[in-house]
Structures are given as structure tokens and as C-alpha cells.
C-alpha atoms as a PDB file:
ATOM      1  CA  MET A   1     -39.231 -12.371 -48.672  1.00  0.00           C
ATOM      2  CA  ASN A   2     -40.702 -14.869 -46.251  1.00  0.00           C
ATOM      3  CA  LEU A   3     -37.455 -14.813 -44.302  1.00  0.00           C
ATOM      4  CA  PHE A   4     -37.585 -11.026 -44.065  1.00  0.00           C
ATOM      5  CA  LYS A   5     -41.136 -11.196 -42.724  1.00  0.00           C
ATOM      6  CA  LYS A   6     -39.985 -13.642 -40.086  1.00  0.00           C
ATOM      7  CA  ILE A   7     -37.012 -11.600 -38.817  1.00  0.00           C
ATOM      8  CA  PHE A   8     -38.558  -8.138 -39.234  1.00  0.00           C
ATOM      9  CA  PRO A   9     -40.368  -8.235 -35.842  1.00  0.00           C
ATOM     10  CA  PHE A  10     -37.114  -9.162 -34.087  1.00  0.00           C
ATOM     11  CA  ILE A  11     -35.198  -6.390 -35.845  1.00  0.00           C
ATOM     12  CA  SER A  12     -37.921  -3.912 -34.915  1.00  0.00           C
ATOM     13  CA  ILE A  13     -37.754  -4.995 -31.278  1.00  0.00           C
ATOM     14  CA  LEU A  14     -33.949  -4.652 -31.205  1.00  0.00           C
ATOM     15  CA  ILE A  15     -34.132  -1.169 -32.738  1.00  0.00           C
ATOM     16  CA  LEU A  16     -36.734  -0.173 -30.169  1.00  0.00           C
ATOM     17  CA  ILE A  17     -34.592  -1.521 -27.311  1.00  0.00           C
ATOM     18  CA  PHE A  18     -31.505   0.391 -28.514  1.00  0.00           C
ATOM     19  CA  TYR A  19     -33.601   3.524 -29.002  1.00  0.00           C
ATOM     20  CA  LEU A  20     -35.029   3.341 -25.482  1.00  0.00           C
ATOM     21  CA  ALA A  21     -31.636   2.506 -23.957  1.00  0.00           C
ATOM     22  CA  PHE A  22     -29.974   5.437 -25.727  1.00  0.00           C
ATOM     23  CA  PHE A  23     -32.512   8.020 -24.621  1.00  0.00           C
ATOM     24  CA  SER A  24     -32.722   6.543 -21.145  1.00  0.00           C
ATOM     25  CA  THR A  25     -28.941   6.843 -20.760  1.00  0.00           C
ATOM     26  CA  LYS A  26     -28.941  10.346 -22.212  1.00  0.00           C
ATOM     27  CA  ARG A  27     -31.698  11.412 -19.855  1.00  0.00           C
ATOM     28  CA  ASN A  28     -29.961   9.798 -16.887  1.00  0.00           C
ATOM     29  CA  LEU A  29     -26.695  11.618 -17.611  1.00  0.00           C
ATOM     30  CA  ALA A  30     -28.561  14.926 -17.660  1.00  0.00           C
ATOM     31  CA  ARG A  31     -29.704  14.406 -14.058  1.00  0.00           C
ATOM     32  CA  ASN A  32     -28.099  16.196 -11.135  1.00  0.00           C
ATOM     33  CA  ILE A  33     -25.671  14.320  -8.888  1.00  0.00           C
ATOM     34  CA  GLU A  34     -27.809  13.398  -5.896  1.00  0.00           C
ATOM     35  CA  SER A  35     -25.106  12.429  -3.361  1.00  0.00           C
ATOM     36  CA  LEU A  36     -21.523  11.291  -2.863  1.00  0.00           C
ATOM     37  CA  ASN A  37     -20.468   8.008  -1.328  1.00  0.00           C
ATOM     38  CA  ILE A  38     -16.817   7.558  -0.355  1.00  0.00           C
ATOM     39  CA  ILE A  39     -15.749   3.937   0.018  1.00  0.00           C
ATOM     40  CA  PHE A  40     -12.360   2.987   1.468  1.00  0.00           C
ATOM     41  CA  ASN A  41     -10.822  -0.431   0.927  1.00  0.00           C
ATOM     42  CA  LYS A  42     -11.123  -2.666   4.015  1.00  0.00           C
ATOM     43  CA  GLU A  43      -7.328  -2.868   4.251  1.00  0.00           C
ATOM     44  CA  ARG A  44      -6.443   0.727   5.011  1.00  0.00           C
ATOM     45  CA  SER A  45      -3.993   2.906   6.890  1.00  0.00           C
ATOM     46  CA  ASN A  46      -6.430   5.679   7.920  1.00  0.00           C
ATOM     47  CA  PHE A  47      -4.338   8.460   6.419  1.00  0.00           C
ATOM     48  CA  LEU A  48      -7.547   9.843   4.948  1.00  0.00           C
ATOM     49  CA  ASN A  49     -11.225  10.105   5.800  1.00  0.00           C
ATOM     50  CA  ASP A  50     -14.422  11.309   4.130  1.00  0.00           C
ATOM     51  CA  ASN A  51     -14.003  14.941   5.191  1.00  0.00           C
ATOM     52  CA  ILE A  52     -10.413  15.143   3.956  1.00  0.00           C
ATOM     53  CA  ILE A  53     -11.422  13.805   0.542  1.00  0.00           C
ATOM     54  CA  LEU A  54     -14.477  16.074   0.259  1.00  0.00           C
ATOM     55  CA  ASN A  55     -12.637  19.236   1.345  1.00  0.00           C
ATOM     56  CA  LYS A  56      -9.293  18.664  -0.371  1.00  0.00           C
ATOM     57  CA  PHE A  57     -10.864  18.059  -3.766  1.00  0.00           C
ATOM     58  CA  ASN A  58     -13.902  20.365  -3.388  1.00  0.00           C
ATOM     59  CA  LEU A  59     -16.249  17.489  -4.069  1.00  0.00           C
ATOM     60  CA  ASP A  60     -19.034  19.019  -2.011  1.00  0.00           C
ATOM     61  CA  ASP A  61     -19.352  21.655  -4.735  1.00  0.00           C
ATOM     62  CA  LEU A  62     -20.692  18.994  -7.088  1.00  0.00           C
ATOM     63  CA  ILE A  63     -23.771  18.751  -4.880  1.00  0.00           C
ATOM     64  CA  LYS A  64     -24.045  22.420  -3.914  1.00  0.00           C
ATOM     65  CA  LYS A  65     -23.853  23.585  -7.535  1.00  0.00           C
ATOM     66  CA  LYS A  66     -26.291  20.867  -8.633  1.00  0.00           C
ATOM     67  CA  SER A  67     -23.790  19.574 -11.164  1.00  0.00           C
ATOM     68  CA  LYS A  68     -25.141  17.304 -13.838  1.00  0.00           C
ATOM     69  CA  LYS A  69     -23.579  13.911 -14.419  1.00  0.00           C
ATOM     70  CA  ASN A  70     -22.638  14.730 -18.005  1.00  0.00           C
ATOM     71  CA  GLU A  71     -20.886  17.964 -16.961  1.00  0.00           C
ATOM     72  CA  ILE A  72     -18.035  16.405 -15.006  1.00  0.00           C
ATOM     73  CA  SER A  73     -15.095  14.223 -16.016  1.00  0.00           C
ATOM     74  CA  LEU A  74     -14.738  11.203 -13.759  1.00  0.00           C
ATOM     75  CA  ASP A  75     -11.305  10.454 -15.226  1.00  0.00           C
ATOM     76  CA  SER A  76     -10.038  13.918 -14.271  1.00  0.00           C
ATOM     77  CA  ILE A  77     -11.266  13.584 -10.685  1.00  0.00           C
ATOM     78  CA  GLU A  78      -9.835  10.058 -10.448  1.00  0.00           C
ATOM     79  CA  SER A  79      -6.467  11.307 -11.658  1.00  0.00           C
ATOM     80  CA  LEU A  80      -6.507  14.210  -9.202  1.00  0.00           C
ATOM     81  CA  ILE A  81      -7.332  11.999  -6.211  1.00  0.00           C
ATOM     82  CA  SER A  82      -4.790   9.360  -7.251  1.00  0.00           C
ATOM     83  CA  LYS A  83      -2.018  11.976  -7.193  1.00  0.00           C
ATOM     84  CA  ASN A  84      -2.461  12.376  -3.440  1.00  0.00           C
ATOM     85  CA  ASP A  85       0.580  11.058  -1.541  1.00  0.00           C
ATOM     86  CA  TYR A  86      -1.497   8.628   0.492  1.00  0.00           C
ATOM     87  CA  VAL A  87      -3.716   7.256  -2.285  1.00  0.00           C
ATOM     88  CA  ASN A  88      -2.725   4.133  -4.188  1.00  0.00           C
ATOM     89  CA  ASP A  89      -5.579   4.383  -6.683  1.00  0.00           C
ATOM     90  CA  ALA A  90      -9.150   5.656  -6.993  1.00  0.00           C
ATOM     91  CA  ASN A  91     -12.187   4.536  -8.951  1.00  0.00           C
ATOM     92  CA  LEU A  92     -15.248   6.741  -9.581  1.00  0.00           C
ATOM     93  CA  TYR A  93     -18.566   5.686 -11.040  1.00  0.00           C
ATOM     94  CA  PHE A  94     -22.241   6.653 -11.011  1.00  0.00           C
ATOM     95  CA  THR A  95     -25.010   4.445  -9.753  1.00  0.00           C
ATOM     96  CA  PHE A  96     -28.275   4.384 -11.720  1.00  0.00           C
ATOM     97  CA  ASP A  97     -29.934   6.548  -9.075  1.00  0.00           C
ATOM     98  CA  SER A  98     -27.335   9.325  -9.698  1.00  0.00           C
ATOM     99  CA  LYS A  99     -25.124   8.743  -6.686  1.00  0.00           C
ATOM    100  CA  LEU A 100     -21.396   9.209  -7.240  1.00  0.00           C
ATOM    101  CA  ASN A 101     -19.358   6.407  -5.686  1.00  0.00           C
ATOM    102  CA  ILE A 102     -15.700   7.128  -4.948  1.00  0.00           C
ATOM    103  CA  GLU A 103     -13.673   4.016  -4.158  1.00  0.00           C
ATOM    104  CA  ILE A 104     -10.216   4.653  -2.666  1.00  0.00           C
ATOM    105  CA  ASN A 105      -7.296   2.341  -1.940  1.00  0.00           C
ATOM    106  CA  GLU A 106      -4.857   3.931   0.469  1.00  0.00           C
ATOM    107  CA  ASN A 107      -1.127   3.348   0.519  1.00  0.00           C
ATOM    108  CA  ILE A 108      -0.215   0.872   3.263  1.00  0.00           C
ATOM    109  CA  PRO A 109       3.157   1.666   4.903  1.00  0.00           C
ATOM    110  CA  LEU A 110       5.457  -1.294   5.400  1.00  0.00           C
ATOM    111  CA  LEU A 111       8.666   0.399   6.557  1.00  0.00           C
ATOM    112  CA  GLU A 112       9.740   3.829   7.767  1.00  0.00           C
ATOM    113  CA  VAL A 113      12.946   5.222   6.296  1.00  0.00           C
ATOM    114  CA  GLN A 114      15.007   7.601   8.428  1.00  0.00           C
ATOM    115  CA  SER A 115      17.863   8.767   6.247  1.00  0.00           C
ATOM    116  CA  ASN A 116      18.375  12.268   4.836  1.00  0.00           C
ATOM    117  CA  LYS A 117      14.581  12.468   4.840  1.00  0.00           C
ATOM    118  CA  LYS A 118      11.818  10.582   6.603  1.00  0.00           C
ATOM    119  CA  TYR A 119       9.266   8.697   4.543  1.00  0.00           C
ATOM    120  CA  TYR A 120       7.301   5.481   4.352  1.00  0.00           C
ATOM    121  CA  LEU A 121       7.760   2.633   1.885  1.00  0.00           C
ATOM    122  CA  ASP A 122       4.929   0.355   0.792  1.00  0.00           C
ATOM    123  CA  GLU A 123       5.277  -3.206  -0.493  1.00  0.00           C
ATOM    124  CA  SER A 124       5.705  -2.027  -4.093  1.00  0.00           C
ATOM    125  CA  GLY A 125       8.612   0.247  -3.155  1.00  0.00           C
ATOM    126  CA  LYS A 126       6.562   3.436  -3.414  1.00  0.00           C
ATOM    127  CA  SER A 127       7.626   6.196  -1.010  1.00  0.00           C
ATOM    128  CA  PHE A 128       5.339   8.773   0.600  1.00  0.00           C
ATOM    129  CA  PRO A 129       5.698  11.303   3.462  1.00  0.00           C
ATOM    130  CA  THR A 130       5.515  10.335   7.120  1.00  0.00           C
ATOM    131  CA  LEU A 131       2.912  11.944   9.342  1.00  0.00           C
ATOM    132  CA  LYS A 132       3.904  14.452  12.024  1.00  0.00           C
ATOM    133  CA  ASN A 133       2.158  12.431  14.688  1.00  0.00           C
ATOM    134  CA  ASN A 134       3.302   9.045  13.478  1.00  0.00           C
ATOM    135  CA  PRO A 135       0.720   6.437  14.564  1.00  0.00           C
ATOM    136  CA  PHE A 136       2.602   3.474  13.073  1.00  0.00           C
ATOM    137  CA  LYS A 137       5.083   1.225  14.825  1.00  0.00           C
ATOM    138  CA  LEU A 138       7.088   0.138  11.814  1.00  0.00           C
ATOM    139  CA  PRO A 139      10.632  -1.165  11.455  1.00  0.00           C
ATOM    140  CA  VAL A 140      12.953   1.780  10.815  1.00  0.00           C
ATOM    141  CA  VAL A 141      15.402   1.650   7.901  1.00  0.00           C
ATOM    142  CA  ARG A 142      18.731   3.515   8.008  1.00  0.00           C
ATOM    143  CA  GLY A 143      21.890   3.583   5.901  1.00  0.00           C
ATOM    144  CA  GLU A 144      22.761   4.343   2.275  1.00  0.00           C
ATOM    145  CA  ILE A 145      19.236   4.488   0.885  1.00  0.00           C
ATOM    146  CA  ASN A 146      17.939   5.777  -2.442  1.00  0.00           C
ATOM    147  CA  LYS A 147      15.238   4.937  -4.992  1.00  0.00           C
ATOM    148  CA  ASP A 148      17.456   2.385  -6.714  1.00  0.00           C
ATOM    149  CA  ASN A 149      17.552   0.117  -3.664  1.00  0.00           C
ATOM    150  CA  PHE A 150      13.973   0.514  -2.384  1.00  0.00           C
ATOM    151  CA  LEU A 151      12.924  -2.841  -3.836  1.00  0.00           C
ATOM    152  CA  ASP A 152      16.029  -4.594  -2.443  1.00  0.00           C
ATOM    153  CA  ILE A 153      15.075  -3.374   1.031  1.00  0.00           C
ATOM    154  CA  ILE A 154      11.438  -4.417   0.608  1.00  0.00           C
ATOM    155  CA  LYS A 155      12.441  -7.885  -0.620  1.00  0.00           C
ATOM    156  CA  PHE A 156      14.789  -8.322   2.332  1.00  0.00           C
ATOM    157  CA  TYR A 157      12.105  -7.360   4.824  1.00  0.00           C
ATOM    158  CA  GLN A 158       9.559  -9.628   3.177  1.00  0.00           C
ATOM    159  CA  THR A 159      12.062 -12.483   3.281  1.00  0.00           C
ATOM    160  CA  ILE A 160      12.910 -12.222   6.954  1.00  0.00           C
ATOM    161  CA  SER A 161       9.248 -11.604   7.826  1.00  0.00           C
ATOM    162  CA  LYS A 162       8.576 -15.205   6.830  1.00  0.00           C
ATOM    163  CA  SER A 163       9.888 -16.000  10.292  1.00  0.00           C
ATOM    164  CA  ASP A 164       7.393 -15.138  13.045  1.00  0.00           C
ATOM    165  CA  PHE A 165      10.323 -14.639  15.409  1.00  0.00           C
ATOM    166  CA  LEU A 166      11.996 -12.025  13.213  1.00  0.00           C
ATOM    167  CA  LYS A 167       8.718 -10.402  12.199  1.00  0.00           C
ATOM    168  CA  ASN A 168       7.911  -9.764  15.864  1.00  0.00           C
ATOM    169  CA  GLU A 169      11.464  -8.854  16.868  1.00  0.00           C
ATOM    170  CA  ILE A 170      12.864  -6.619  14.135  1.00  0.00           C
ATOM    171  CA  ILE A 171      12.851  -2.917  14.920  1.00  0.00           C
ATOM    172  CA  GLU A 172      15.630  -1.580  12.670  1.00  0.00           C
ATOM    173  CA  ILE A 173      17.212  -2.453   9.337  1.00  0.00           C
ATOM    174  CA  PHE A 174      20.586  -1.039   8.310  1.00  0.00           C
ATOM    175  CA  TYR A 175      21.198  -1.134   4.568  1.00  0.00           C
ATOM    176  CA  TYR A 176      24.499  -0.785   2.732  1.00  0.00           C
ATOM    177  CA  PRO A 177      25.186  -2.048  -0.811  1.00  0.00           C
ATOM    178  CA  ASN A 178      24.673  -5.846  -0.714  1.00  0.00           C
ATOM    179  CA  ASP A 179      24.845  -5.842   3.049  1.00  0.00           C
ATOM    180  CA  PHE A 180      22.082  -5.865   5.689  1.00  0.00           C
ATOM    181  CA  LYS A 181      22.175  -5.531   9.447  1.00  0.00           C
ATOM    182  CA  ILE A 182      19.186  -5.738  11.790  1.00  0.00           C
ATOM    183  CA  LYS A 183      18.350  -4.720  15.347  1.00  0.00           C
ATOM    184  CA  LEU A 184      16.043  -6.883  17.439  1.00  0.00           C
ATOM    185  CA  LYS A 185      13.627  -5.736  20.106  1.00  0.00           C
ATOM    186  CA  SER A 186      14.630  -8.148  22.862  1.00  0.00           C
ATOM    187  CA  TYR A 187      18.411  -8.155  22.357  1.00  0.00           C
ATOM    188  CA  ASP A 188      21.104  -5.496  22.630  1.00  0.00           C
ATOM    189  CA  PHE A 189      23.330  -6.648  19.784  1.00  0.00           C
ATOM    190  CA  ILE A 190      23.314  -5.853  16.057  1.00  0.00           C
ATOM    191  CA  VAL A 191      22.812  -8.842  13.753  1.00  0.00           C
ATOM    192  CA  GLU A 192      25.141  -8.755  10.737  1.00  0.00           C
ATOM    193  CA  TRP A 193      23.026 -10.580   8.164  1.00  0.00           C
ATOM    194  CA  GLY A 194      25.028  -9.828   5.025  1.00  0.00           C
ATOM    195  CA  GLN A 195      23.423 -10.397   1.625  1.00  0.00           C
ATOM    196  CA  ASN A 196      19.798 -11.430   1.255  1.00  0.00           C
ATOM    197  CA  LYS A 197      20.781 -15.082   0.791  1.00  0.00           C
ATOM    198  CA  SER A 198      20.809 -18.356   2.748  1.00  0.00           C
ATOM    199  CA  PHE A 199      17.809 -17.307   4.826  1.00  0.00           C
ATOM    200  CA  ASN A 200      17.091 -20.663   6.472  1.00  0.00           C
ATOM    201  CA  ARG A 201      20.709 -21.279   7.433  1.00  0.00           C
ATOM    202  CA  LYS A 202      21.148 -17.816   8.959  1.00  0.00           C
ATOM    203  CA  LEU A 203      17.808 -17.959  10.748  1.00  0.00           C
ATOM    204  CA  LYS A 204      18.627 -21.338  12.284  1.00  0.00           C
ATOM    205  CA  LYS A 205      21.970 -20.050  13.609  1.00  0.00           C
ATOM    206  CA  LEU A 206      20.331 -16.932  15.024  1.00  0.00           C
ATOM    207  CA  LEU A 207      17.574 -18.890  16.776  1.00  0.00           C
ATOM    208  CA  ILE A 208      20.113 -21.269  18.345  1.00  0.00           C
ATOM    209  CA  PHE A 209      22.250 -18.360  19.506  1.00  0.00           C
ATOM    210  CA  CYS A 210      19.292 -16.422  20.973  1.00  0.00           C
ATOM    211  CA  ASN A 211      18.084 -19.544  22.754  1.00  0.00           C
ATOM    212  CA  TYR A 212      21.569 -19.982  24.215  1.00  0.00           C
ATOM    213  CA  LEU A 213      21.585 -16.382  25.452  1.00  0.00           C
ATOM    214  CA  ASN A 214      18.145 -16.762  26.991  1.00  0.00           C
ATOM    215  CA  ASN A 215      19.261 -19.843  28.911  1.00  0.00           C
ATOM    216  CA  GLU A 216      22.598 -18.420  29.976  1.00  0.00           C
ATOM    217  CA  LYS A 217      21.307 -14.877  30.601  1.00  0.00           C
ATOM    218  CA  LYS A 218      24.250 -13.309  28.770  1.00  0.00           C
ATOM    219  CA  GLN A 219      22.444 -10.961  26.424  1.00  0.00           C
ATOM    220  CA  SER A 220      24.340  -7.801  27.312  1.00  0.00           C
ATOM    221  CA  GLU A 221      27.793  -9.329  26.691  1.00  0.00           C
ATOM    222  CA  TYR A 222      27.619  -9.038  22.896  1.00  0.00           C
ATOM    223  CA  LYS A 223      27.528  -6.006  20.593  1.00  0.00           C
ATOM    224  CA  ASN A 224      27.551  -7.761  17.212  1.00  0.00           C
ATOM    225  CA  VAL A 225      26.480 -11.184  15.985  1.00  0.00           C
ATOM    226  CA  ASN A 226      27.772 -12.067  12.521  1.00  0.00           C
ATOM    227  CA  LEU A 227      25.799 -14.675  10.532  1.00  0.00           C
ATOM    228  CA  LYS A 228      27.713 -14.294   7.254  1.00  0.00           C
ATOM    229  CA  TYR A 229      29.990 -17.283   7.768  1.00  0.00           C
ATOM    230  CA  LYS A 230      28.665 -20.645   6.686  1.00  0.00           C
ATOM    231  CA  ASN A 231      29.310 -22.909   9.667  1.00  0.00           C
ATOM    232  CA  GLN A 232      29.709 -20.529  12.561  1.00  0.00           C
ATOM    233  CA  VAL A 233      28.420 -17.499  14.430  1.00  0.00           C
ATOM    234  CA  VAL A 234      31.042 -14.819  15.029  1.00  0.00           C
ATOM    235  CA  THR A 235      30.422 -12.466  17.934  1.00  0.00           C
ATOM    236  CA  THR A 236      32.129  -9.324  19.215  1.00  0.00           C
ATOM    237  CA  SER A 237      31.789  -7.883  22.695  1.00  0.00           C
END
């Protein structure tokens, strides 16, 4: 009995706190949405902007119709926005002062595929449509390309991009099953890279060969440079 008398005040306080929190939350959810705040991730591709998001998904209507917070489904709006070709994911939440925050991560294009269709690839291998007025200067991928080899192409590009020289030079990638070729910005020849293996060895041979060409000024003499062989560079004119 004495114990009950001791803990009763604490239990009463806890019940009061839960009671107040419940009705405060309920009252807050019954308030109108005061404003919308669209937040893009710092790393972005600028496919989208505030007006596109507001107009495409009719979000302005939430304010115009004085929608209440408990009348809308944030999950449904999130899902709808996330289905956009240029959105990686979206996160919606209310602030305590009834503002609706919409956080958006855009897809970041890594490569541009020009095969039967034109589209971008991001680092996860996700494809999405190119823009009519393409603002990106991305390496172009050609060859026998389909969904099954997207990740192989991404891994190859990420591997060769470890070299600052190749990252700055590569303008085209040609993909065929287990075989890669690349085109460099400053040289006329095609580099026959082969499989995505032995990166350091192939890079070293290519750098030595390019340095030789730069010194000898013989760049235009070669059409193909083959790095597939272990101890040599095979060229064709």
C-alpha cells in the first residue's frame, strides 16, 4: 500500500503526459497544411525543379483546397513522386508548424547509352530517358547492350575511372559480350581493352604508348591499339 502511494503520483503524471500528447497530436493533424517546402539533395542533376514537382503532381492543390494533414496519405504521394523517371527516391514529412517538407533525390546520370534507344544509366544500373536538349557531357556507350549487362558496363566504367587520365579522356565505350573497347578524346585510335581484368597492367601499357605517340607525334598513324596481350601492345594502321 505504501509502495502504491509512492508510485501513484508518477503514474498519474505519465497518464497526463500521454493524454496531452495524444490530443495535441490529434489536434495538430486536424490543422490545414500551411505551406510546401521542396528540398533537393545537394548532389543533383537538375532534371527537376520546384515548379515541375508542384505542377506535375498537383501539390499546389493541397494549399488551395486547405487540405488537412490527416486527410492526405504521405506514402501515396511519396510513391507517386518516386515513380518519376528522374527521381531516385522521395521522403515527405510534416513539421510541427504544419509545413509539408518534400525531400527529393534525383537520379544522377553516369553514362549515356546510344543503342536501339537513347537513355542514361546511373551508378546502380538504373536506366532513364535522355533529355531532348542534353546538357550532360557523358561518355557514350554503344554495342550489344541490354538490361542484363548494365551492371557490367557500370563496373567497367568505374574501374577505368580510377585513372585520372582515362576519366578525363574517355568519350566512348563499345561493349560486346566480355569485350570492351574505348575511344579517347585526344587520340584517333580505338583502344581494344578486352575483358574487365588486369587493369593496372593494361593502363601502364596504354600510358607508355600514349607518351610515345606524344613524343614522336605519330598519333594519326594508328587505328587500333590492342591491350589484350600480356607483354605487348599490338597496333594496326
